[in-house]
Amino acid sequence: MSNTSFRFLRLLLWGILLAAGFIGGVAWKGQDRTPDTTDSTELAPPPETDTPAPSAEAPPAPAAEMRTDLNPDERATISLFERAAPTVTFITTSNVRRNYWTRDLTEIPRGNGSGFIWDDQGHVVTNYHVIKGADRAQVTMSDQSTWPATLVGAAPEKDLAVLKIDATPEELAPIPRGQSDNLLVGQSVYAIGNPFGLDQTLTTGIISALGREIKSVSGTPIRDVIQTDAAINPGNSGGPLLDSRGRLIGVNTAIYSPSGAYAGIGFSIPVDVVSWVVPELIAHGKIMRPTLGVELATPRIMSRLGIDGILILDVVRGSAAEQAGLRPTMRDRDGALRLGDIILGINDEAITSRNDLILVLENYRPGDAVKVKVLREEEEVEVDLILDEAR
């Protein structure tokens, strides 16, 4: 190929390359001027909505709402526990002993149990047997804060006691209260307490029976007790029994078990009893129980005499019984025993034992007027009497 032809081909190739570059540049510039909807959408700020941005100060969502794999029953139980747990307390007791040689004081752990916050004044309700014989008590709340407690009042015959802590109303979560006169066997119940010292423990079950009777620490029967199969173990004593709305319906007080551990039967003092006992303890430190003002014969004496009712052995001077004319047992001039009046009933309620009399008098207050039916020299007599206040 000649030099002339080679130069011509080089010029032609350069011309083609320049033309291709020009055409490509024009096309790229035109494309750059065309809006790119995809890119602009990704870079644009998100549209405004009515939903506020998350805040560090916003309260956390309930645990049940954060889970999507729970059924409605589980959600309800979790929600109930979260609401009720702040009202339940852990109570520890101790005794103080002085060393004989050094005179130093030593605090010895005694036991523990459960309780719950009654009101915003710092009153805490528990079982009497939880604090019985203790010198000191401490109350630990759900936030793990611990408070020294003082004893406000106790009712051994109902196995109830009231403590007080110096917390502010803002730090307290009083328990909502229900009622126990409309409970039904089969109704769901929930117990929260501290079994074996394991705080904030929830157990569930049903009401398995109503109208049970158990003996209190003092030996006096407690009637209309709730029986439940919700697990109640040592340490649950004094904790609340709740209904499905988280309301107090009973105070867990005892278990029926040969081994001392849960065996399927637990007992709770009904809230209707708690609701009249606790205000009495807060106001007076004890139950303001009415009395007839008499000394009664023991069950053994009544068994020997073979008489139904309660024999009056003596009448307290200046008492309601003396003013009403009730007669004591005494000996006549010849030394023969003359039986006093035998109490058969008060108003329309029959009396066959000391316990009957105690439970009947719970329905009245000092100053109430009652009719006492007695057997006097083989004749039934009704006596009007104004009840005294027990001392």
Protein backbone atom coordinates (compact mmCIF):
# COMPACT_ATOMS: atom_id res chain seq x y z
CA MET A 1 0.00 0.00 0.00
CA SER A 2 1.31 3.45 -0.89
CA ASN A 3 1.95 6.14 1.71
CA THR A 4 -0.83 8.23 0.26
CA SER A 5 -3.42 5.47 0.75
CA PHE A 6 -2.22 4.79 4.35
CA ARG A 7 -2.59 8.45 5.33
CA PHE A 8 -6.08 8.54 3.86
CA LEU A 9 -7.20 5.55 5.95
CA ARG A 10 -5.79 7.10 9.15
CA LEU A 11 -7.68 10.35 8.55
CA LEU A 12 -10.88 8.42 7.83
CA LEU A 13 -10.53 6.40 11.07
CA TRP A 14 -9.96 9.53 13.15
CA GLY A 15 -13.02 11.14 11.56
CA ILE A 16 -15.20 8.15 12.44
CA LEU A 17 -13.95 8.19 16.07
CA LEU A 18 -14.61 11.93 16.45
CA ALA A 19 -18.12 11.58 14.99
CA ALA A 20 -18.92 8.68 17.34
CA GLY A 21 -17.65 10.66 20.36
CA PHE A 22 -19.73 13.68 19.40
CA ILE A 23 -22.92 11.66 18.96
CA GLY A 24 -22.33 9.82 22.28
CA GLY A 25 -21.77 13.08 24.17
CA VAL A 26 -24.98 14.60 22.87
CA ALA A 27 -26.95 11.50 23.89
CA TRP A 28 -25.42 11.44 27.43
CA LYS A 29 -26.16 15.13 27.94
CA GLY A 30 -29.76 14.66 26.87
CA GLN A 31 -30.17 11.73 29.26
CA ASP A 32 -28.73 13.78 32.11
CA ARG A 33 -31.44 16.41 31.53
CA THR A 34 -34.23 13.79 31.85
CA PRO A 35 -35.56 13.57 35.45
CA ASP A 36 -34.74 10.26 37.16
CA THR A 37 -37.88 9.46 39.15
CA THR A 38 -36.31 6.50 40.87
CA ASP A 39 -33.40 8.40 42.33
CA SER A 40 -35.47 11.41 43.35
CA THR A 41 -37.94 9.18 45.22
CA GLU A 42 -35.16 7.52 47.23
CA LEU A 43 -33.56 10.82 48.24
CA ALA A 44 -36.76 12.69 49.05
CA PRO A 45 -37.67 13.02 52.77
CA PRO A 46 -40.38 10.61 54.00
CA PRO A 47 -43.91 11.96 53.88
CA GLU A 48 -45.19 13.48 57.12
CA THR A 49 -47.61 11.36 59.17
CA ASP A 50 -49.62 11.82 62.36
CA THR A 51 -47.55 9.14 64.14
CA PRO A 52 -44.95 10.80 66.41
CA ALA A 53 -41.35 9.73 66.27
CA PRO A 54 -40.25 7.34 69.02
CA SER A 55 -39.18 9.17 72.17
CA ALA A 56 -36.72 8.03 74.80
CA GLU A 57 -39.20 9.23 77.46
CA ALA A 58 -42.14 7.22 76.15
CA PRO A 59 -43.17 4.32 78.47
CA PRO A 60 -42.30 0.87 77.19
CA ALA A 61 -45.06 -1.16 75.61
CA PRO A 62 -46.54 -3.97 77.74
CA ALA A 63 -44.70 -7.22 77.23
CA ALA A 64 -47.82 -8.93 75.90
CA GLU A 65 -48.21 -6.30 73.15
CA MET A 66 -44.64 -6.79 71.97
CA ARG A 67 -45.27 -10.46 71.25
CA THR A 68 -47.32 -11.56 68.25
CA ASP A 69 -47.28 -15.29 68.99
CA LEU A 70 -49.44 -15.24 72.16
CA ASN A 71 -53.04 -16.33 72.36
CA PRO A 72 -55.68 -14.08 74.02
CA ASP A 73 -55.66 -16.02 77.31
CA GLU A 74 -51.88 -15.65 77.63
CA ARG A 75 -52.08 -11.94 76.86
CA ALA A 76 -54.76 -11.46 79.53
CA THR A 77 -52.77 -13.33 82.18
CA ILE A 78 -49.55 -11.45 81.40
CA SER A 79 -51.38 -8.12 81.51
CA LEU A 80 -53.01 -9.04 84.84
CA PHE A 81 -49.64 -9.91 86.37
CA GLU A 82 -48.00 -6.70 85.12
CA ARG A 83 -50.80 -4.63 86.67
CA ALA A 84 -50.95 -6.52 89.96
CA ALA A 85 -47.25 -7.14 90.65
CA PRO A 86 -46.50 -3.59 91.92
CA THR A 87 -49.10 -4.06 94.68
CA VAL A 88 -47.50 -7.26 96.06
CA THR A 89 -44.77 -7.09 98.68
CA PHE A 90 -42.17 -9.44 100.16
CA ILE A 91 -42.08 -9.44 103.97
CA THR A 92 -39.09 -10.62 105.99
CA THR A 93 -39.07 -10.82 109.79
CA SER A 94 -36.35 -11.12 112.40
CA ASN A 95 -35.75 -11.33 116.14
CA VAL A 96 -33.27 -9.28 118.12
CA ARG A 97 -31.14 -11.12 120.68
CA ARG A 98 -28.71 -9.66 123.22
CA ASN A 99 -25.45 -11.47 123.91
CA TYR A 100 -25.32 -12.34 127.60
CA TRP A 101 -21.60 -11.60 127.92
CA THR A 102 -21.00 -8.68 125.55
CA ARG A 103 -24.51 -7.17 125.67
CA ASP A 104 -24.30 -6.75 121.89
CA LEU A 105 -27.53 -7.01 119.90
CA THR A 106 -27.79 -9.56 117.12
CA GLU A 107 -30.57 -9.68 114.54
CA ILE A 108 -31.61 -13.23 113.67
CA PRO A 109 -33.75 -13.93 110.57
CA ARG A 110 -37.08 -15.44 111.55
CA GLY A 111 -39.13 -16.01 108.42
CA ASN A 112 -40.74 -14.47 105.38
CA GLY A 113 -44.07 -14.17 103.66
CA SER A 114 -46.11 -12.03 101.32
CA GLY A 115 -48.33 -9.00 101.60
CA PHE A 116 -49.97 -6.31 99.51
CA ILE A 117 -50.41 -2.55 99.58
CA TRP A 118 -53.81 -1.61 100.98
CA ASP A 119 -53.89 2.17 100.48
CA ASP A 120 -51.75 5.19 99.61
CA GLN A 121 -50.99 5.79 103.29
CA GLY A 122 -48.46 2.96 103.35
CA HIS A 123 -50.57 0.27 105.03
CA VAL A 124 -49.57 -3.27 104.06
CA VAL A 125 -51.82 -6.27 104.75
CA THR A 126 -50.45 -9.73 105.51
CA ASN A 127 -51.23 -12.80 107.62
CA TYR A 128 -50.83 -12.56 111.38
CA HIS A 129 -48.81 -15.78 111.43
CA VAL A 130 -46.24 -14.16 109.09
CA ILE A 131 -45.27 -11.56 111.71
CA LYS A 132 -46.21 -13.48 114.88
CA GLY A 133 -43.38 -13.40 117.44
CA ALA A 134 -41.14 -11.15 115.31
CA ASP A 135 -39.31 -8.11 116.70
CA ARG A 136 -38.75 -6.46 113.34
CA ALA A 137 -40.23 -6.61 109.87
CA GLN A 138 -39.10 -5.30 106.50
CA VAL A 139 -41.22 -4.80 103.40
CA THR A 140 -39.66 -5.14 99.95
CA MET A 141 -41.69 -3.76 97.06
CA SER A 142 -41.66 -4.83 93.42
CA ASP A 143 -39.01 -2.21 92.55
CA GLN A 144 -36.71 -3.94 95.10
CA SER A 145 -36.82 -0.98 97.50
CA THR A 146 -36.87 -2.14 101.13
CA TRP A 147 -38.68 -0.35 103.94
CA PRO A 148 -38.70 -0.91 107.72
CA ALA A 149 -42.26 -1.65 108.84
CA THR A 150 -44.15 -1.01 112.05
CA LEU A 151 -47.07 -3.09 113.30
CA VAL A 152 -50.34 -1.14 113.22
CA GLY A 153 -52.70 -3.85 114.40
CA ALA A 154 -53.35 -7.58 114.42
CA ALA A 155 -56.32 -9.94 114.51
CA PRO A 156 -55.05 -13.44 115.36
CA GLU A 157 -58.61 -14.78 115.23
CA LYS A 158 -58.76 -13.83 111.53
CA ASP A 159 -55.05 -14.41 110.79
CA LEU A 160 -54.69 -10.84 109.54
CA ALA A 161 -52.25 -8.07 110.39
CA VAL A 162 -51.53 -4.56 109.12
CA LEU A 163 -48.03 -3.08 108.81
CA LYS A 164 -47.06 0.46 107.83
CA ILE A 165 -44.16 1.80 105.80
CA ASP A 166 -43.17 5.45 105.30
CA ALA A 167 -43.42 5.50 101.51
CA THR A 168 -45.01 8.40 99.65
CA PRO A 169 -48.32 7.95 97.79
CA GLU A 170 -46.42 8.18 94.50
CA GLU A 171 -44.36 5.14 95.47
CA LEU A 172 -47.40 3.03 96.37
CA ALA A 173 -49.79 1.04 94.21
CA PRO A 174 -52.87 0.11 96.30
CA ILE A 175 -54.59 -3.10 95.28
CA PRO A 176 -58.06 -2.84 93.68
CA ARG A 177 -60.63 -4.70 95.77
CA GLY A 178 -63.48 -6.91 94.63
CA GLN A 179 -66.05 -8.85 96.63
CA SER A 180 -66.38 -12.46 97.72
CA ASP A 181 -70.12 -12.94 98.25
CA ASN A 182 -70.71 -13.53 94.53
CA LEU A 183 -67.87 -15.96 93.79
CA LEU A 184 -68.56 -19.21 91.95
CA VAL A 185 -66.86 -22.59 91.97
CA GLY A 186 -64.91 -22.93 88.73
CA GLN A 187 -64.06 -19.24 88.52
CA SER A 188 -60.47 -18.48 87.48
CA VAL A 189 -58.16 -17.14 90.19
CA TYR A 190 -54.57 -15.91 90.31
CA ALA A 191 -52.21 -15.95 93.29
CA ILE A 192 -49.12 -13.74 93.51
CA GLY A 193 -46.61 -14.15 96.31
CA ASN A 194 -43.15 -15.20 97.37
CA PRO A 195 -43.13 -18.98 97.87
CA PHE A 196 -39.89 -20.24 99.42
CA GLY A 197 -38.54 -16.67 99.17
CA LEU A 198 -38.90 -16.57 95.37
CA ASP A 199 -40.45 -13.15 94.94
CA GLN A 200 -43.08 -12.11 92.41
CA THR A 201 -44.32 -15.63 91.63
CA LEU A 202 -47.61 -16.09 89.80
CA THR A 203 -49.74 -19.24 90.02
CA THR A 204 -53.13 -19.79 88.46
CA GLY A 205 -56.09 -22.04 89.07
CA ILE A 206 -59.79 -22.03 89.87
CA ILE A 207 -62.02 -21.76 92.91
CA SER A 208 -62.47 -25.41 93.82
CA ALA A 209 -64.89 -24.89 96.73
CA LEU A 210 -66.55 -22.18 98.80
CA GLY A 211 -67.78 -21.94 102.38
CA ARG A 212 -64.89 -23.84 103.92
CA GLU A 213 -63.92 -23.40 107.58
CA ILE A 214 -60.36 -23.38 108.93
CA LYS A 215 -58.87 -22.61 112.32
CA SER A 216 -56.93 -19.42 112.90
CA VAL A 217 -53.73 -19.10 114.90
CA SER A 218 -55.83 -18.38 118.00
CA GLY A 219 -57.94 -21.49 117.46
CA THR A 220 -61.02 -19.48 116.47
CA PRO A 221 -62.63 -20.74 113.27
CA ILE A 222 -62.63 -18.62 110.13
CA ARG A 223 -65.77 -19.30 108.11
CA ASP A 224 -66.63 -18.91 104.41
CA VAL A 225 -63.02 -19.47 103.39
CA ILE A 226 -62.19 -19.81 99.67
CA GLN A 227 -60.65 -23.09 98.56
CA THR A 228 -58.46 -22.97 95.44
CA ASP A 229 -56.19 -25.26 93.47
CA ALA A 230 -53.85 -22.38 92.58
CA ALA A 231 -50.46 -23.38 93.99
CA ILE A 232 -49.94 -21.86 97.44
CA ASN A 233 -46.70 -22.74 99.20
CA PRO A 234 -44.85 -21.53 102.32
CA GLY A 235 -44.04 -17.89 101.62
CA ASN A 236 -47.30 -17.29 99.72
CA SER A 237 -49.01 -16.56 103.05
CA GLY A 238 -50.40 -13.05 103.15
CA GLY A 239 -50.36 -12.60 99.37
CA PRO A 240 -53.43 -11.71 97.34
CA LEU A 241 -55.82 -14.02 95.52
CA LEU A 242 -57.14 -12.17 92.47
CA ASP A 243 -60.03 -12.60 90.06
CA SER A 244 -59.65 -12.37 86.29
CA ARG A 245 -59.89 -8.56 86.44
CA GLY A 246 -57.01 -8.31 88.90
CA ARG A 247 -59.21 -7.47 91.91
CA LEU A 248 -58.53 -8.76 95.41
CA ILE A 249 -60.96 -11.52 96.38
CA GLY A 250 -58.98 -13.21 99.15
CA VAL A 251 -55.80 -13.35 101.23
CA ASN A 252 -53.86 -16.60 100.87
CA THR A 253 -53.45 -18.03 104.33
CA ALA A 254 -53.02 -21.80 104.48
CA ILE A 255 -52.48 -25.02 102.58
CA TYR A 256 -53.80 -28.50 103.18
CA SER A 257 -50.82 -30.82 102.89
CA PRO A 258 -49.28 -33.63 104.95
CA SER A 259 -45.81 -32.57 103.76
CA GLY A 260 -46.22 -28.83 104.28
CA ALA A 261 -45.88 -28.11 100.55
CA TYR A 262 -48.46 -27.61 97.82
CA ALA A 263 -50.75 -30.60 97.36
CA GLY A 264 -53.59 -29.15 95.33
CA ILE A 265 -55.61 -27.41 98.06
CA GLY A 266 -55.08 -23.90 99.38
CA PHE A 267 -57.25 -21.56 101.42
CA SER A 268 -57.84 -17.82 101.28
CA ILE A 269 -59.62 -15.48 103.69
CA PRO A 270 -62.48 -13.86 101.73
CA VAL A 271 -62.11 -10.18 100.89
CA ASP A 272 -65.47 -9.34 102.49
CA VAL A 273 -63.93 -10.30 105.85
CA VAL A 274 -60.68 -8.47 105.06
CA SER A 275 -62.60 -5.32 104.12
CA TRP A 276 -64.12 -4.91 107.59
CA VAL A 277 -61.20 -6.24 109.64
CA VAL A 278 -58.43 -4.09 108.11
CA PRO A 279 -60.13 -0.69 108.75
CA GLU A 280 -60.69 -1.80 112.37
CA LEU A 281 -57.00 -2.64 112.73
CA ILE A 282 -55.92 0.65 111.18
CA ALA A 283 -58.24 2.67 113.42
CA HIS A 284 -57.95 0.76 116.70
CA GLY A 285 -55.10 -1.74 116.38
CA LYS A 286 -57.55 -4.59 117.01
CA ILE A 287 -61.05 -5.73 116.14
CA MET A 288 -63.54 -3.80 118.26
CA ARG A 289 -65.46 -6.90 119.19
CA PRO A 290 -68.69 -6.69 121.20
CA THR A 291 -69.21 -8.86 124.26
CA LEU A 292 -71.99 -10.00 126.57
CA GLY A 293 -69.89 -9.63 129.69
CA VAL A 294 -70.05 -13.23 130.86
CA GLU A 295 -67.68 -16.06 131.70
CA LEU A 296 -68.65 -19.26 129.87
CA ALA A 297 -68.29 -22.94 130.73
CA THR A 298 -65.74 -25.01 128.84
CA PRO A 299 -66.81 -27.57 126.22
CA ARG A 300 -65.80 -30.34 128.63
CA ILE A 301 -68.23 -29.08 131.28
CA MET A 302 -71.03 -28.79 128.73
CA SER A 303 -70.29 -32.33 127.53
CA ARG A 304 -70.55 -33.67 131.08
CA LEU A 305 -73.85 -31.88 131.64
CA GLY A 306 -75.19 -33.12 128.33
CA ILE A 307 -76.72 -29.73 127.54
CA ASP A 308 -76.84 -27.92 124.20
CA GLY A 309 -75.88 -24.26 124.33
CA ILE A 310 -73.35 -22.43 126.55
CA LEU A 311 -73.62 -22.31 130.31
CA ILE A 312 -72.92 -18.97 131.99
CA LEU A 313 -70.49 -19.55 134.87
CA ASP A 314 -70.16 -15.93 135.97
CA VAL A 315 -71.38 -12.46 135.11
CA VAL A 316 -68.96 -9.51 135.04
CA ARG A 317 -69.94 -6.71 137.41
CA GLY A 318 -71.32 -3.67 135.65
CA SER A 319 -71.48 -5.52 132.33
CA ALA A 320 -74.30 -5.67 129.83
CA ALA A 321 -75.15 -9.17 131.08
CA GLU A 322 -75.58 -7.95 134.67
CA GLN A 323 -77.73 -5.04 133.56
CA ALA A 324 -79.88 -7.38 131.46
CA GLY A 325 -80.35 -9.75 134.41
CA LEU A 326 -78.51 -12.81 133.08
CA ARG A 327 -77.89 -15.32 135.86
CA PRO A 328 -74.53 -16.96 136.74
CA THR A 329 -73.94 -20.46 138.10
CA MET A 330 -73.74 -20.51 141.89
CA ARG A 331 -74.28 -22.64 144.97
CA ASP A 332 -77.32 -22.23 147.17
CA ARG A 333 -77.35 -22.09 150.96
CA ASP A 334 -77.23 -25.85 151.17
CA GLY A 335 -74.14 -26.00 148.94
CA ALA A 336 -76.02 -27.47 146.00
CA LEU A 337 -74.94 -26.28 142.54
CA ARG A 338 -77.52 -24.15 140.80
CA LEU A 339 -76.90 -23.79 137.08
CA GLY A 340 -76.96 -20.35 135.57
CA ASP A 341 -78.60 -19.32 132.29
CA ILE A 342 -77.70 -21.41 129.25
CA ILE A 343 -77.34 -19.30 126.09
CA LEU A 344 -79.30 -20.85 123.21
CA GLY A 345 -79.29 -18.06 120.64
CA ILE A 346 -78.87 -14.40 119.76
CA ASN A 347 -81.70 -12.88 117.78
CA ASP A 348 -82.56 -15.56 115.19
CA GLU A 349 -79.21 -17.38 115.23
CA ALA A 350 -78.73 -20.57 117.25
CA ILE A 351 -75.78 -20.89 119.64
CA THR A 352 -74.41 -24.35 120.44
CA SER A 353 -70.74 -23.60 121.22
CA ARG A 354 -68.25 -20.88 122.10
CA ASN A 355 -67.23 -20.62 118.47
CA ASP A 356 -70.85 -20.08 117.45
CA LEU A 357 -71.09 -17.19 119.90
CA ILE A 358 -67.84 -15.61 118.64
CA LEU A 359 -68.91 -15.81 115.01
CA VAL A 360 -72.43 -14.52 115.68
CA LEU A 361 -71.10 -11.52 117.62
CA GLU A 362 -68.93 -10.59 114.61
CA ASN A 363 -72.13 -9.41 112.93
CA TYR A 364 -72.67 -6.75 115.61
CA ARG A 365 -70.90 -3.75 117.08
CA PRO A 366 -70.64 -2.48 120.64
CA GLY A 367 -73.84 -0.63 121.51
CA ASP A 368 -76.09 -2.80 119.33
CA ALA A 369 -79.27 -4.11 120.93
CA VAL A 370 -79.87 -7.87 120.72
CA LYS A 371 -82.25 -10.44 122.13
CA VAL A 372 -80.50 -13.27 123.96
CA LYS A 373 -82.41 -16.54 124.23
CA VAL A 374 -81.49 -18.53 127.35
CA LEU A 375 -82.63 -21.66 129.11
CA ARG A 376 -83.42 -20.72 132.71
CA GLU A 377 -84.61 -23.44 135.09
CA GLU A 378 -85.89 -25.54 132.18
CA GLU A 379 -87.77 -22.62 130.67
CA GLU A 380 -86.76 -20.61 127.57
CA VAL A 381 -86.51 -16.88 128.23
CA GLU A 382 -85.62 -13.93 125.95
CA VAL A 383 -83.56 -11.10 127.44
CA ASP A 384 -82.93 -7.68 125.87
CA LEU A 385 -79.25 -6.71 126.04
CA ILE A 386 -77.05 -3.82 124.84
CA LEU A 387 -73.68 -5.22 123.76
CA ASP A 388 -70.52 -4.05 125.56
CA GLU A 389 -67.13 -3.39 123.99
CA ALA A 390 -64.62 -6.18 124.55
CA ARG A 391 -61.59 -5.12 126.60
